[in-house]
Amino acid sequence: MIRAGWFRSQPSSMTQELATGITYHRVVRIIPRLIVLHVVEITLKNTKLQVLVTPGQPILHGEIRAKLTSRFLTEYHQTVAINGSYFYPFREYWSPYPAEGEPVHILGHAISHHQTYSQPQSDFPALYVTDDNQFSSVLPSAHIAHAIAGREWLLKHGQTILTSEMIAADKSYPRTAIAFDATQQRLWLIVVDGKQPNYSDGIYLQELADYLSQLGADTALCLDGGGSSTLVIADVHGQARILNSPIHQGWAGRERPVANHFGVQIID
């Protein structure tokens, strides 16, 4: 079956200022394969910047209701947003689950506005954000405002820490990641498109770690990827505009409802 949009051509590279202290870069490569990277660089010293992880919603059979990243952005008035943690249950094709609003569970630590709604898990490390927008790869002793969990550390203290087993089992894939520098001045939100012939084939974990290191990142965590990978911004009217090309259910451009999200808002 040929899915809609699979055989379009690659776009061109570009840079756009989204808001004060938030810049978007679309990076297009043809070597070593077709890759389209979406990079949002954020100045953390901006006093008008606020971070948000989707608040939990304690409900029967779940910790939160599945939601499109675009809907998260508009509902919480974010400037930019990405998909977040791995979750379950999930089925993509046969009897698909979840639809928007259906209950799901987060894998790993999830905190929003100081409220924990999913507990830590050793296989799903988390990034933590304090009240004053300081990021950490370890659980701070106090003032934790938000936490979001991923699966693989791409960088810690400037070094790639991927294991040989991870590298051997890896494949070119759509990815979502969060990274920050050692001085806590810059934050990056990264989404890489994949599984779309003639457009973007995806990226390996080692390649993504190397790219983030070249940007100047000190610490980087890979979040849920594949068809979940989504990057959304608010247009001048506050409506959601998807910047990347999600690939839910094999359809290029189709968003997936996911469990939680990571957003950044500039307060006027």
C-alpha atoms as a PDB file:
ATOM      1  CA  MET A   1       0.000   0.000   0.000  1.00  0.00           C
ATOM      2  CA  ILE A   2       1.332   3.451  -0.910  1.00  0.00           C
ATOM      3  CA  ARG A   3       0.696   5.935   1.870  1.00  0.00           C
ATOM      4  CA  ALA A   4      -0.212   9.546   1.141  1.00  0.00           C
ATOM      5  CA  GLY A   5       2.713  11.942   0.935  1.00  0.00           C
ATOM      6  CA  TRP A   6       5.487   9.321   0.870  1.00  0.00           C
ATOM      7  CA  PHE A   7       7.036  10.421  -2.385  1.00  0.00           C
ATOM      8  CA  ARG A   8       7.303  14.181  -2.018  1.00  0.00           C
ATOM      9  CA  SER A   9      10.694  15.842  -2.333  1.00  0.00           C
ATOM     10  CA  GLN A  10      12.836  17.178   0.490  1.00  0.00           C
ATOM     11  CA  PRO A  11      12.333  20.786   1.619  1.00  0.00           C
ATOM     12  CA  SER A  12      15.189  23.294   1.869  1.00  0.00           C
ATOM     13  CA  SER A  13      17.100  24.229   5.004  1.00  0.00           C
ATOM     14  CA  MET A  14      15.866  27.353   6.777  1.00  0.00           C
ATOM     15  CA  THR A  15      16.035  29.409   9.985  1.00  0.00           C
ATOM     16  CA  GLN A  16      13.143  31.301  11.590  1.00  0.00           C
ATOM     17  CA  GLU A  17      12.789  33.251  14.832  1.00  0.00           C
ATOM     18  CA  LEU A  18       9.637  31.981  16.542  1.00  0.00           C
ATOM     19  CA  ALA A  19       9.715  34.350  19.520  1.00  0.00           C
ATOM     20  CA  THR A  20      12.250  36.274  21.565  1.00  0.00           C
ATOM     21  CA  GLY A  21      14.906  33.720  22.505  1.00  0.00           C
ATOM     22  CA  ILE A  22      13.381  30.868  20.456  1.00  0.00           C
ATOM     23  CA  THR A  23      14.816  30.052  17.011  1.00  0.00           C
ATOM     24  CA  TYR A  24      13.824  27.232  14.666  1.00  0.00           C
ATOM     25  CA  HIS A  25      16.267  25.598  12.251  1.00  0.00           C
ATOM     26  CA  ARG A  26      15.287  23.086   9.597  1.00  0.00           C
ATOM     27  CA  VAL A  27      18.403  21.132   8.643  1.00  0.00           C
ATOM     28  CA  VAL A  28      18.241  19.034   5.472  1.00  0.00           C
ATOM     29  CA  ARG A  29      20.871  16.426   4.601  1.00  0.00           C
ATOM     30  CA  ILE A  30      21.367  13.987   1.741  1.00  0.00           C
ATOM     31  CA  ILE A  31      24.467  12.255   3.182  1.00  0.00           C
ATOM     32  CA  PRO A  32      24.744   9.603   4.622  1.00  0.00           C
ATOM     33  CA  ARG A  33      21.022   9.348   3.730  1.00  0.00           C
ATOM     34  CA  LEU A  34      18.047  11.651   3.352  1.00  0.00           C
ATOM     35  CA  ILE A  35      17.484  13.306   6.739  1.00  0.00           C
ATOM     36  CA  VAL A  36      15.277  16.238   7.783  1.00  0.00           C
ATOM     37  CA  LEU A  37      16.078  17.562  11.263  1.00  0.00           C
ATOM     38  CA  HIS A  38      13.987  20.144  13.098  1.00  0.00           C
ATOM     39  CA  VAL A  39      15.942  22.033  15.753  1.00  0.00           C
ATOM     40  CA  VAL A  40      14.465  24.561  18.173  1.00  0.00           C
ATOM     41  CA  GLU A  41      17.115  26.501  20.123  1.00  0.00           C
ATOM     42  CA  ILE A  42      15.900  28.256  23.268  1.00  0.00           C
ATOM     43  CA  THR A  43      17.665  30.822  25.462  1.00  0.00           C
ATOM     44  CA  LEU A  44      17.082  29.705  29.044  1.00  0.00           C
ATOM     45  CA  LYS A  45      18.039  33.045  30.580  1.00  0.00           C
ATOM     46  CA  ASN A  46      14.882  34.602  29.152  1.00  0.00           C
ATOM     47  CA  THR A  47      12.911  35.625  32.263  1.00  0.00           C
ATOM     48  CA  LYS A  48       9.647  35.416  30.296  1.00  0.00           C
ATOM     49  CA  LEU A  49      10.164  31.733  29.531  1.00  0.00           C
ATOM     50  CA  GLN A  50       8.027  29.071  31.198  1.00  0.00           C
ATOM     51  CA  VAL A  51       8.373  25.302  30.815  1.00  0.00           C
ATOM     52  CA  LEU A  52       5.450  22.878  30.981  1.00  0.00           C
ATOM     53  CA  VAL A  53       5.041  19.108  31.086  1.00  0.00           C
ATOM     54  CA  THR A  54       1.458  17.995  30.490  1.00  0.00           C
ATOM     55  CA  PRO A  55      -0.415  17.860  33.805  1.00  0.00           C
ATOM     56  CA  GLY A  56      -1.593  14.413  34.913  1.00  0.00           C
ATOM     57  CA  GLN A  57      -5.247  13.494  35.038  1.00  0.00           C
ATOM     58  CA  PRO A  58      -5.886  10.634  37.492  1.00  0.00           C
ATOM     59  CA  ILE A  59      -8.569   8.549  35.786  1.00  0.00           C
ATOM     60  CA  LEU A  60      -9.803   4.983  35.758  1.00  0.00           C
ATOM     61  CA  HIS A  61      -7.349   2.705  33.897  1.00  0.00           C
ATOM     62  CA  GLY A  62      -4.753   5.422  33.314  1.00  0.00           C
ATOM     63  CA  GLU A  63      -2.724   8.378  34.573  1.00  0.00           C
ATOM     64  CA  ILE A  64      -3.540  10.712  31.708  1.00  0.00           C
ATOM     65  CA  ARG A  65      -5.714  10.946  28.600  1.00  0.00           C
ATOM     66  CA  ALA A  66      -4.023  10.733  25.203  1.00  0.00           C
ATOM     67  CA  LYS A  67      -3.792  14.038  23.382  1.00  0.00           C
ATOM     68  CA  LEU A  68      -2.370  15.346  20.107  1.00  0.00           C
ATOM     69  CA  THR A  69       0.722  17.521  20.559  1.00  0.00           C
ATOM     70  CA  SER A  70      -1.015  20.278  18.580  1.00  0.00           C
ATOM     71  CA  ARG A  71      -3.973  20.189  20.976  1.00  0.00           C
ATOM     72  CA  PHE A  72      -1.650  20.341  23.992  1.00  0.00           C
ATOM     73  CA  LEU A  73      -0.033  23.448  22.508  1.00  0.00           C
ATOM     74  CA  THR A  74      -3.309  25.315  21.955  1.00  0.00           C
ATOM     75  CA  GLU A  75      -4.968  24.139  25.183  1.00  0.00           C
ATOM     76  CA  TYR A  76      -2.054  25.327  27.337  1.00  0.00           C
ATOM     77  CA  HIS A  77      -1.101  28.320  25.159  1.00  0.00           C
ATOM     78  CA  GLN A  78       2.442  27.110  24.490  1.00  0.00           C
ATOM     79  CA  THR A  79       4.832  28.747  22.017  1.00  0.00           C
ATOM     80  CA  VAL A  80       6.453  25.465  20.990  1.00  0.00           C
ATOM     81  CA  ALA A  81       5.780  21.843  21.957  1.00  0.00           C
ATOM     82  CA  ILE A  82       7.038  18.312  21.319  1.00  0.00           C
ATOM     83  CA  ASN A  83       5.760  14.850  22.179  1.00  0.00           C
ATOM     84  CA  GLY A  84       6.994  13.351  25.415  1.00  0.00           C
ATOM     85  CA  SER A  85       7.393  10.016  27.171  1.00  0.00           C
ATOM     86  CA  TYR A  86       6.818   6.438  26.117  1.00  0.00           C
ATOM     87  CA  PHE A  87       3.423   5.108  27.161  1.00  0.00           C
ATOM     88  CA  TYR A  88       1.120   2.102  27.114  1.00  0.00           C
ATOM     89  CA  PRO A  89      -1.156   0.583  25.946  1.00  0.00           C
ATOM     90  CA  PHE A  90      -0.403   1.313  22.293  1.00  0.00           C
ATOM     91  CA  ARG A  91      -1.470  -0.372  19.056  1.00  0.00           C
ATOM     92  CA  GLU A  92      -0.838   1.328  15.728  1.00  0.00           C
ATOM     93  CA  TYR A  93      -2.689  -0.762  13.148  1.00  0.00           C
ATOM     94  CA  TRP A  94      -4.903  -3.582  14.389  1.00  0.00           C
ATOM     95  CA  SER A  95      -7.630  -2.137  16.618  1.00  0.00           C
ATOM     96  CA  PRO A  96      -5.629   1.137  17.019  1.00  0.00           C
ATOM     97  CA  TYR A  97      -5.188   2.558  20.511  1.00  0.00           C
ATOM     98  CA  PRO A  98      -5.257   5.201  21.872  1.00  0.00           C
ATOM     99  CA  ALA A  99      -7.571   7.705  20.257  1.00  0.00           C
ATOM    100  CA  GLU A 100      -7.640  11.178  21.766  1.00  0.00           C
ATOM    101  CA  GLY A 101      -9.094  11.138  25.253  1.00  0.00           C
ATOM    102  CA  GLU A 102      -8.468   7.454  25.940  1.00  0.00           C
ATOM    103  CA  PRO A 103      -6.539   6.602  29.135  1.00  0.00           C
ATOM    104  CA  VAL A 104      -2.853   5.663  28.993  1.00  0.00           C
ATOM    105  CA  HIS A 105       0.030   5.124  31.407  1.00  0.00           C
ATOM    106  CA  ILE A 106       3.380   6.951  31.328  1.00  0.00           C
ATOM    107  CA  LEU A 107       6.605   4.946  31.373  1.00  0.00           C
ATOM    108  CA  GLY A 108       8.976   6.703  33.765  1.00  0.00           C
ATOM    109  CA  HIS A 109       8.879   9.751  36.000  1.00  0.00           C
ATOM    110  CA  ALA A 110       6.332  12.461  35.197  1.00  0.00           C
ATOM    111  CA  ILE A 111       5.884  15.659  37.189  1.00  0.00           C
ATOM    112  CA  SER A 112       3.906  18.758  36.264  1.00  0.00           C
ATOM    113  CA  HIS A 113       3.623  21.876  38.432  1.00  0.00           C
ATOM    114  CA  HIS A 114       5.248  19.964  41.336  1.00  0.00           C
ATOM    115  CA  GLN A 115       2.660  17.160  41.137  1.00  0.00           C
ATOM    116  CA  THR A 116       3.960  13.626  40.469  1.00  0.00           C
ATOM    117  CA  TYR A 117       1.635  11.449  38.412  1.00  0.00           C
ATOM    118  CA  SER A 118       4.008   8.686  37.261  1.00  0.00           C
ATOM    119  CA  GLN A 119       6.770   7.176  39.374  1.00  0.00           C
ATOM    120  CA  PRO A 120      10.450   6.728  38.320  1.00  0.00           C
ATOM    121  CA  GLN A 121      11.473   3.566  36.446  1.00  0.00           C
ATOM    122  CA  SER A 122      15.099   2.506  36.034  1.00  0.00           C
ATOM    123  CA  ASP A 123      14.729   1.739  32.307  1.00  0.00           C
ATOM    124  CA  PHE A 124      13.193   5.150  31.557  1.00  0.00           C
ATOM    125  CA  PRO A 125      15.485   7.969  32.756  1.00  0.00           C
ATOM    126  CA  ALA A 126      14.099  11.460  33.204  1.00  0.00           C
ATOM    127  CA  LEU A 127      15.078  15.102  32.868  1.00  0.00           C
ATOM    128  CA  TYR A 128      14.130  17.411  35.716  1.00  0.00           C
ATOM    129  CA  VAL A 129      13.333  21.119  35.650  1.00  0.00           C
ATOM    130  CA  THR A 130      13.400  23.348  38.718  1.00  0.00           C
ATOM    131  CA  ASP A 131      11.279  26.426  39.389  1.00  0.00           C
ATOM    132  CA  ASP A 132      14.013  28.673  37.966  1.00  0.00           C
ATOM    133  CA  ASN A 133      14.369  26.636  34.716  1.00  0.00           C
ATOM    134  CA  GLN A 134      17.475  24.713  35.721  1.00  0.00           C
ATOM    135  CA  PHE A 135      17.710  21.327  33.981  1.00  0.00           C
ATOM    136  CA  SER A 136      19.216  18.204  35.544  1.00  0.00           C
ATOM    137  CA  SER A 137      19.744  14.562  34.633  1.00  0.00           C
ATOM    138  CA  VAL A 138      19.470  13.556  38.308  1.00  0.00           C
ATOM    139  CA  LEU A 139      16.621  14.097  40.724  1.00  0.00           C
ATOM    140  CA  PRO A 140      17.162  17.425  42.530  1.00  0.00           C
ATOM    141  CA  SER A 141      16.582  17.516  46.285  1.00  0.00           C
ATOM    142  CA  ALA A 142      13.931  20.226  46.084  1.00  0.00           C
ATOM    143  CA  HIS A 143      12.018  22.691  43.899  1.00  0.00           C
ATOM    144  CA  ILE A 144      11.239  20.197  41.116  1.00  0.00           C
ATOM    145  CA  ALA A 145       8.635  21.797  38.917  1.00  0.00           C
ATOM    146  CA  HIS A 146       8.561  19.313  36.039  1.00  0.00           C
ATOM    147  CA  ALA A 147       9.947  15.935  34.977  1.00  0.00           C
ATOM    148  CA  ILE A 148       9.728  14.059  31.698  1.00  0.00           C
ATOM    149  CA  ALA A 149      11.062  10.579  30.978  1.00  0.00           C
ATOM    150  CA  GLY A 150      12.696   9.136  27.888  1.00  0.00           C
ATOM    151  CA  ARG A 151      14.525   5.940  27.017  1.00  0.00           C
ATOM    152  CA  GLU A 152      18.170   6.536  26.066  1.00  0.00           C
ATOM    153  CA  TRP A 153      20.698   9.056  27.310  1.00  0.00           C
ATOM    154  CA  LEU A 154      22.393  10.390  24.196  1.00  0.00           C
ATOM    155  CA  LEU A 155      24.859  12.579  26.102  1.00  0.00           C
ATOM    156  CA  LYS A 156      25.904  13.046  29.714  1.00  0.00           C
ATOM    157  CA  HIS A 157      28.591  15.533  30.729  1.00  0.00           C
ATOM    158  CA  GLY A 158      29.369  16.016  27.055  1.00  0.00           C
ATOM    159  CA  GLN A 159      30.084  12.338  26.423  1.00  0.00           C
ATOM    160  CA  THR A 160      28.141   9.812  24.400  1.00  0.00           C
ATOM    161  CA  ILE A 161      27.060   7.006  26.711  1.00  0.00           C
ATOM    162  CA  LEU A 162      25.240   4.720  24.292  1.00  0.00           C
ATOM    163  CA  THR A 163      26.118   1.087  24.967  1.00  0.00           C
ATOM    164  CA  SER A 164      27.458  -1.268  22.319  1.00  0.00           C
ATOM    165  CA  GLU A 165      24.210  -3.258  22.610  1.00  0.00           C
ATOM    166  CA  MET A 166      22.142  -0.142  21.862  1.00  0.00           C
ATOM    167  CA  ILE A 167      24.290   0.720  18.857  1.00  0.00           C
ATOM    168  CA  ALA A 168      24.179  -2.837  17.477  1.00  0.00           C
ATOM    169  CA  ALA A 169      20.384  -3.010  17.754  1.00  0.00           C
ATOM    170  CA  ASP A 170      19.768   0.503  16.448  1.00  0.00           C
ATOM    171  CA  LYS A 171      18.148   1.526  13.171  1.00  0.00           C
ATOM    172  CA  SER A 172      17.510   4.735  11.284  1.00  0.00           C
ATOM    173  CA  TYR A 173      14.321   6.077  12.831  1.00  0.00           C
ATOM    174  CA  PRO A 174      12.228   9.177  13.593  1.00  0.00           C
ATOM    175  CA  ARG A 175      13.437  10.697  16.880  1.00  0.00           C
ATOM    176  CA  THR A 176      12.523  13.284  19.489  1.00  0.00           C
ATOM    177  CA  ALA A 177      15.092  14.601  21.992  1.00  0.00           C
ATOM    178  CA  ILE A 178      15.715  17.312  24.590  1.00  0.00           C
ATOM    179  CA  ALA A 179      19.215  18.667  25.228  1.00  0.00           C
ATOM    180  CA  PHE A 180      20.862  21.464  27.195  1.00  0.00           C
ATOM    181  CA  ASP A 181      24.364  22.893  27.498  1.00  0.00           C
ATOM    182  CA  ALA A 182      26.713  22.821  30.478  1.00  0.00           C
ATOM    183  CA  THR A 183      26.127  26.486  31.328  1.00  0.00           C
ATOM    184  CA  GLN A 184      22.329  26.130  31.448  1.00  0.00           C
ATOM    185  CA  GLN A 185      21.991  28.908  28.901  1.00  0.00           C
ATOM    186  CA  ARG A 186      20.677  26.950  25.900  1.00  0.00           C
ATOM    187  CA  LEU A 187      18.010  24.301  25.482  1.00  0.00           C
ATOM    188  CA  TRP A 188      17.351  22.330  22.300  1.00  0.00           C
ATOM    189  CA  LEU A 189      14.202  20.509  21.242  1.00  0.00           C
ATOM    190  CA  ILE A 190      14.976  18.133  18.367  1.00  0.00           C
ATOM    191  CA  VAL A 191      12.629  16.196  16.097  1.00  0.00           C
ATOM    192  CA  VAL A 192      13.964  14.116  13.202  1.00  0.00           C
ATOM    193  CA  ASP A 193      11.585  12.867  10.511  1.00  0.00           C
ATOM    194  CA  GLY A 194      11.848   9.303   9.294  1.00  0.00           C
ATOM    195  CA  LYS A 195      10.232   6.304   7.588  1.00  0.00           C
ATOM    196  CA  GLN A 196       9.379   8.507   4.566  1.00  0.00           C
ATOM    197  CA  PRO A 197      11.116   7.542   1.291  1.00  0.00           C
ATOM    198  CA  ASN A 198      12.565  10.398  -0.795  1.00  0.00           C
ATOM    199  CA  TYR A 199      11.975  12.779   2.123  1.00  0.00           C
ATOM    200  CA  SER A 200      13.658  11.587   5.326  1.00  0.00           C
ATOM    201  CA  ASP A 201      14.807   8.108   6.302  1.00  0.00           C
ATOM    202  CA  GLY A 202      15.481   8.922   9.948  1.00  0.00           C
ATOM    203  CA  ILE A 203      18.602   8.997  12.104  1.00  0.00           C
ATOM    204  CA  TYR A 204      20.635   6.607  14.255  1.00  0.00           C
ATOM    205  CA  LEU A 205      21.063   7.298  17.977  1.00  0.00           C
ATOM    206  CA  GLN A 206      24.842   7.726  17.603  1.00  0.00           C
ATOM    207  CA  GLU A 207      24.357  10.189  14.739  1.00  0.00           C
ATOM    208  CA  LEU A 208      21.896  12.209  16.809  1.00  0.00           C
ATOM    209  CA  ALA A 209      24.249  12.212  19.798  1.00  0.00           C
ATOM    210  CA  ASP A 210      27.116  13.417  17.585  1.00  0.00           C
ATOM    211  CA  TYR A 211      24.947  16.152  16.075  1.00  0.00           C
ATOM    212  CA  LEU A 212      23.850  17.426  19.492  1.00  0.00           C
ATOM    213  CA  SER A 213      27.450  17.386  20.714  1.00  0.00           C
ATOM    214  CA  GLN A 214      28.424  19.539  17.733  1.00  0.00           C
ATOM    215  CA  LEU A 215      25.686  22.015  18.686  1.00  0.00           C
ATOM    216  CA  GLY A 216      27.273  22.324  22.120  1.00  0.00           C
ATOM    217  CA  ALA A 217      24.935  20.129  24.149  1.00  0.00           C
ATOM    218  CA  ASP A 218      26.194  18.666  27.421  1.00  0.00           C
ATOM    219  CA  THR A 219      23.227  16.435  28.279  1.00  0.00           C
ATOM    220  CA  ALA A 220      20.624  14.956  25.936  1.00  0.00           C
ATOM    221  CA  LEU A 221      17.744  12.533  26.410  1.00  0.00           C
ATOM    222  CA  CYS A 222      15.880  10.687  23.648  1.00  0.00           C
ATOM    223  CA  LEU A 223      12.096  10.729  24.159  1.00  0.00           C
ATOM    224  CA  ASP A 224       9.419   8.635  22.442  1.00  0.00           C
ATOM    225  CA  GLY A 225      10.061   8.452  18.693  1.00  0.00           C
ATOM    226  CA  GLY A 226       8.694   6.787  15.593  1.00  0.00           C
ATOM    227  CA  GLY A 227       5.187   7.921  14.721  1.00  0.00           C
ATOM    228  CA  SER A 228       5.005   9.858  17.999  1.00  0.00           C
ATOM    229  CA  SER A 229       7.693  12.369  16.949  1.00  0.00           C
ATOM    230  CA  THR A 230       5.989  15.740  16.529  1.00  0.00           C
ATOM    231  CA  LEU A 231       7.067  19.386  16.679  1.00  0.00           C
ATOM    232  CA  VAL A 232       4.403  22.093  16.853  1.00  0.00           C
ATOM    233  CA  ILE A 233       4.533  25.880  17.139  1.00  0.00           C
ATOM    234  CA  ALA A 234       1.901  28.566  17.689  1.00  0.00           C
ATOM    235  CA  ASP A 235       1.216  30.862  14.738  1.00  0.00           C
ATOM    236  CA  VAL A 236       0.454  34.586  15.105  1.00  0.00           C
ATOM    237  CA  HIS A 237      -3.148  33.712  16.028  1.00  0.00           C
ATOM    238  CA  GLY A 238      -2.136  31.139  18.642  1.00  0.00           C
ATOM    239  CA  GLN A 239      -3.168  28.217  16.455  1.00  0.00           C
ATOM    240  CA  ALA A 240      -1.006  25.120  16.133  1.00  0.00           C
ATOM    241  CA  ARG A 241       1.268  24.658  13.122  1.00  0.00           C
ATOM    242  CA  ILE A 242       3.111  21.350  12.753  1.00  0.00           C
ATOM    243  CA  LEU A 243       6.699  21.921  11.625  1.00  0.00           C
ATOM    244  CA  ASN A 244       7.799  18.350  11.029  1.00  0.00           C
ATOM    245  CA  SER A 245       6.210  15.440   9.166  1.00  0.00           C
ATOM    246  CA  PRO A 246       4.743  12.919  11.650  1.00  0.00           C
ATOM    247  CA  ILE A 247       4.194   9.403  10.344  1.00  0.00           C
ATOM    248  CA  HIS A 248       1.394   7.858  12.422  1.00  0.00           C
ATOM    249  CA  GLN A 249      -0.145   4.678  10.935  1.00  0.00           C
ATOM    250  CA  GLY A 250       2.134   5.037   7.912  1.00  0.00           C
ATOM    251  CA  TRP A 251       0.555   8.309   6.765  1.00  0.00           C
ATOM    252  CA  ALA A 252       2.965  11.211   6.309  1.00  0.00           C
ATOM    253  CA  GLY A 253       1.687  14.282   8.156  1.00  0.00           C
ATOM    254  CA  ARG A 254      -0.709  12.409  10.451  1.00  0.00           C
ATOM    255  CA  GLU A 255      -0.329  13.217  14.165  1.00  0.00           C
ATOM    256  CA  ARG A 256      -0.473  10.551  16.849  1.00  0.00           C
ATOM    257  CA  PRO A 257      -2.289  11.039  20.162  1.00  0.00           C
ATOM    258  CA  VAL A 258       0.397  10.616  22.832  1.00  0.00           C
ATOM    259  CA  ALA A 259       0.496  10.532  26.616  1.00  0.00           C
ATOM    260  CA  ASN A 260       2.348  13.664  27.642  1.00  0.00           C
ATOM    261  CA  HIS A 261       4.252  16.532  26.061  1.00  0.00           C
ATOM    262  CA  PHE A 262       6.942  19.123  26.715  1.00  0.00           C
ATOM    263  CA  GLY A 263       6.190  22.756  26.005  1.00  0.00           C
ATOM    264  CA  VAL A 264       7.828  26.151  26.260  1.00  0.00           C
ATOM    265  CA  GLN A 265       5.881  29.385  26.506  1.00  0.00           C
ATOM    266  CA  ILE A 266       7.025  32.983  26.258  1.00  0.00           C
ATOM    267  CA  ILE A 267       4.880  35.146  28.527  1.00  0.00           C
ATOM    268  CA  ASP A 268       4.212  38.629  27.131  1.00  0.00           C
END
